[in-house]
Amino acid sequence: MNFIRSTVLPALIVALFGVALVAVTARIWLPGDMLAPAPIG
């Protein structure tokens, strides 16, 4: 349990932050029409 708290959990948090950073950065390079909300109906 101590190994999980000291090694796996911080790595998971850093990986999650990295995924969020990539997702936000990728929005900059998307075309403008893809940034708009999805049409309803």
PDB file of N, CA and C in Angstrom:
ATOM      1  N   MET A   1       0.837  -1.202   0.000  1.00  0.00           N
ATOM      2  CA  MET A   1       0.000   0.000   0.000  1.00  0.00           C
ATOM      3  C   MET A   1       0.878   1.261   0.000  1.00  0.00           C
ATOM      4  N   ASN A   2       1.977   1.191   0.748  1.00  0.00           N
ATOM      5  CA  ASN A   2       2.873   2.344   0.800  1.00  0.00           C
ATOM      6  C   ASN A   2       3.510   2.600  -0.559  1.00  0.00           C
ATOM      7  N   PHE A   3       3.815   1.518  -1.288  1.00  0.00           N
ATOM      8  CA  PHE A   3       4.394   1.667  -2.632  1.00  0.00           C
ATOM      9  C   PHE A   3       3.415   2.367  -3.564  1.00  0.00           C
ATOM     10  N   ILE A   4       2.131   2.012  -3.440  1.00  0.00           N
ATOM     11  CA  ILE A   4       1.118   2.630  -4.298  1.00  0.00           C
ATOM     12  C   ILE A   4       1.010   4.123  -3.999  1.00  0.00           C
ATOM     13  N   ARG A   5       1.019   4.464  -2.717  1.00  0.00           N
ATOM     14  CA  ARG A   5       0.885   5.880  -2.351  1.00  0.00           C
ATOM     15  C   ARG A   5       2.097   6.690  -2.772  1.00  0.00           C
ATOM     16  N   SER A   6       3.288   6.096  -2.720  1.00  0.00           N
ATOM     17  CA  SER A   6       4.505   6.864  -2.968  1.00  0.00           C
ATOM     18  C   SER A   6       4.910   6.883  -4.439  1.00  0.00           C
ATOM     19  N   THR A   7       4.463   5.907  -5.228  1.00  0.00           N
ATOM     20  CA  THR A   7       4.934   5.797  -6.604  1.00  0.00           C
ATOM     21  C   THR A   7       3.804   5.872  -7.619  1.00  0.00           C
ATOM     22  N   VAL A   8       2.799   5.031  -7.473  1.00  0.00           N
ATOM     23  CA  VAL A   8       1.766   4.919  -8.501  1.00  0.00           C
ATOM     24  C   VAL A   8       0.854   6.137  -8.496  1.00  0.00           C
ATOM     25  N   LEU A   9       0.456   6.597  -7.333  1.00  0.00           N
ATOM     26  CA  LEU A   9      -0.494   7.713  -7.256  1.00  0.00           C
ATOM     27  C   LEU A   9       0.088   9.008  -7.824  1.00  0.00           C
ATOM     28  N   PRO A  10       1.318   9.415  -7.451  1.00  0.00           N
ATOM     29  CA  PRO A  10       1.870  10.625  -8.078  1.00  0.00           C
ATOM     30  C   PRO A  10       2.040  10.485  -9.585  1.00  0.00           C
ATOM     31  N   ALA A  11       2.451   9.306 -10.052  1.00  0.00           N
ATOM     32  CA  ALA A  11       2.603   9.108 -11.493  1.00  0.00           C
ATOM     33  C   ALA A  11       1.257   9.221 -12.194  1.00  0.00           C
ATOM     34  N   LEU A  12       0.207   8.709 -11.568  1.00  0.00           N
ATOM     35  CA  LEU A  12      -1.128   8.797 -12.143  1.00  0.00           C
ATOM     36  C   LEU A  12      -1.595  10.250 -12.218  1.00  0.00           C
ATOM     37  N   ILE A  13      -1.314  11.020 -11.179  1.00  0.00           N
ATOM     38  CA  ILE A  13      -1.709  12.430 -11.165  1.00  0.00           C
ATOM     39  C   ILE A  13      -0.965  13.205 -12.246  1.00  0.00           C
ATOM     40  N   VAL A  14       0.339  12.945 -12.386  1.00  0.00           N
ATOM     41  CA  VAL A  14       1.126  13.631 -13.407  1.00  0.00           C
ATOM     42  C   VAL A  14       0.648  13.248 -14.800  1.00  0.00           C
ATOM     43  N   ALA A  15       0.317  11.957 -14.999  1.00  0.00           N
ATOM     44  CA  ALA A  15      -0.169  11.503 -16.302  1.00  0.00           C
ATOM     45  C   ALA A  15      -1.519  12.153 -16.622  1.00  0.00           C
ATOM     46  N   LEU A  16      -2.390  12.266 -15.621  1.00  0.00           N
ATOM     47  CA  LEU A  16      -3.692  12.888 -15.836  1.00  0.00           C
ATOM     48  C   LEU A  16      -3.530  14.362 -16.191  1.00  0.00           C
ATOM     49  N   PHE A  17      -2.610  15.042 -15.506  1.00  0.00           N
ATOM     50  CA  PHE A  17      -2.338  16.439 -15.824  1.00  0.00           C
ATOM     51  C   PHE A  17      -1.788  16.576 -17.235  1.00  0.00           C
ATOM     52  N   GLY A  18      -0.939  15.646 -17.634  1.00  0.00           N
ATOM     53  CA  GLY A  18      -0.385  15.674 -18.978  1.00  0.00           C
ATOM     54  C   GLY A  18      -1.447  15.489 -20.040  1.00  0.00           C
ATOM     55  N   VAL A  19      -2.381  14.573 -19.801  1.00  0.00           N
ATOM     56  CA  VAL A  19      -3.473  14.355 -20.756  1.00  0.00           C
ATOM     57  C   VAL A  19      -4.341  15.605 -20.866  1.00  0.00           C
ATOM     58  N   ALA A  20      -4.625  16.236 -19.723  1.00  0.00           N
ATOM     59  CA  ALA A  20      -5.432  17.458 -19.746  1.00  0.00           C
ATOM     60  C   ALA A  20      -4.702  18.577 -20.491  1.00  0.00           C
ATOM     61  N   LEU A  21      -3.389  18.667 -20.288  1.00  0.00           N
ATOM     62  CA  LEU A  21      -2.616  19.698 -20.967  1.00  0.00           C
ATOM     63  C   LEU A  21      -2.612  19.479 -22.478  1.00  0.00           C
ATOM     64  N   VAL A  22      -2.466  18.231 -22.902  1.00  0.00           N
ATOM     65  CA  VAL A  22      -2.488  17.918 -24.334  1.00  0.00           C
ATOM     66  C   VAL A  22      -3.865  18.221 -24.925  1.00  0.00           C
ATOM     67  N   ALA A  23      -4.926  17.908 -24.183  1.00  0.00           N
ATOM     68  CA  ALA A  23      -6.278  18.155 -24.688  1.00  0.00           C
ATOM     69  C   ALA A  23      -6.524  19.656 -24.870  1.00  0.00           C
ATOM     70  N   VAL A  24      -6.064  20.462 -23.912  1.00  0.00           N
ATOM     71  CA  VAL A  24      -6.256  21.909 -24.018  1.00  0.00           C
ATOM     72  C   VAL A  24      -5.399  22.473 -25.143  1.00  0.00           C
ATOM     73  N   THR A  25      -4.171  21.980 -25.271  1.00  0.00           N
ATOM     74  CA  THR A  25      -3.287  22.467 -26.324  1.00  0.00           C
ATOM     75  C   THR A  25      -3.812  22.075 -27.703  1.00  0.00           C
ATOM     76  N   ALA A  26      -4.387  20.885 -27.820  1.00  0.00           N
ATOM     77  CA  ALA A  26      -4.891  20.421 -29.112  1.00  0.00           C
ATOM     78  C   ALA A  26      -6.047  21.293 -29.596  1.00  0.00           C
ATOM     79  N   ARG A  27      -6.805  21.892 -28.678  1.00  0.00           N
ATOM     80  CA  ARG A  27      -7.924  22.750 -29.082  1.00  0.00           C
ATOM     81  C   ARG A  27      -7.437  23.962 -29.860  1.00  0.00           C
ATOM     82  N   ILE A  28      -6.211  24.417 -29.593  1.00  0.00           N
ATOM     83  CA  ILE A  28      -5.694  25.593 -30.286  1.00  0.00           C
ATOM     84  C   ILE A  28      -5.512  25.285 -31.774  1.00  0.00           C
ATOM     85  N   TRP A  29      -5.092  24.040 -32.082  1.00  0.00           N
ATOM     86  CA  TRP A  29      -4.753  23.703 -33.462  1.00  0.00           C
ATOM     87  C   TRP A  29      -5.961  23.191 -34.251  1.00  0.00           C
ATOM     88  N   LEU A  30      -7.091  22.988 -33.606  1.00  0.00           N
ATOM     89  CA  LEU A  30      -8.278  22.518 -34.310  1.00  0.00           C
ATOM     90  C   LEU A  30      -8.865  23.650 -35.152  1.00  0.00           C
ATOM     91  N   PRO A  31      -9.545  23.315 -36.244  1.00  0.00           N
ATOM     92  CA  PRO A  31     -10.253  24.349 -37.001  1.00  0.00           C
ATOM     93  C   PRO A  31     -11.323  25.032 -36.149  1.00  0.00           C
ATOM     94  N   GLY A  32     -11.656  26.237 -36.491  1.00  0.00           N
ATOM     95  CA  GLY A  32     -12.587  27.029 -35.692  1.00  0.00           C
ATOM     96  C   GLY A  32     -13.957  26.398 -35.568  1.00  0.00           C
ATOM     97  N   ASP A  33     -14.434  25.705 -36.628  1.00  0.00           N
ATOM     98  CA  ASP A  33     -15.776  25.142 -36.563  1.00  0.00           C
ATOM     99  C   ASP A  33     -15.834  23.958 -35.592  1.00  0.00           C
ATOM    100  N   MET A  34     -14.670  23.336 -35.294  1.00  0.00           N
ATOM    101  CA  MET A  34     -14.682  22.221 -34.359  1.00  0.00           C
ATOM    102  C   MET A  34     -14.683  22.710 -32.907  1.00  0.00           C
ATOM    103  N   LEU A  35     -14.352  23.974 -32.711  1.00  0.00           N
ATOM    104  CA  LEU A  35     -14.361  24.525 -31.365  1.00  0.00           C
ATOM    105  C   LEU A  35     -15.772  24.869 -30.910  1.00  0.00           C
ATOM    106  N   ALA A  36     -16.688  25.030 -31.861  1.00  0.00           N
ATOM    107  CA  ALA A  36     -18.053  25.407 -31.510  1.00  0.00           C
ATOM    108  C   ALA A  36     -18.776  24.210 -30.888  1.00  0.00           C
ATOM    109  N   PRO A  37     -19.785  24.492 -30.068  1.00  0.00           N
ATOM    110  CA  PRO A  37     -20.568  23.372 -29.507  1.00  0.00           C
ATOM    111  C   PRO A  37     -21.265  22.592 -30.594  1.00  0.00           C
ATOM    112  N   ALA A  38     -21.533  21.333 -30.313  1.00  0.00           N
ATOM    113  CA  ALA A  38     -22.193  20.467 -31.296  1.00  0.00           C
ATOM    114  C   ALA A  38     -23.610  20.962 -31.547  1.00  0.00           C
ATOM    115  N   PRO A  39     -24.049  20.952 -32.804  1.00  0.00           N
ATOM    116  CA  PRO A  39     -25.419  21.365 -33.090  1.00  0.00           C
ATOM    117  C   PRO A  39     -26.439  20.403 -32.487  1.00  0.00           C
ATOM    118  N   ILE A  40     -27.552  20.954 -32.043  1.00  0.00           N
ATOM    119  CA  ILE A  40     -28.606  20.123 -31.424  1.00  0.00           C
ATOM    120  C   ILE A  40     -29.669  19.877 -32.475  1.00  0.00           C
ATOM    121  N   GLY A  41     -30.015  18.609 -32.654  1.00  0.00           N
ATOM    122  CA  GLY A  41     -31.040  18.271 -33.633  1.00  0.00           C
ATOM    123  C   GLY A  41     -30.436  18.095 -34.992  1.00  0.00           C
TER     124      GLY A  41
END
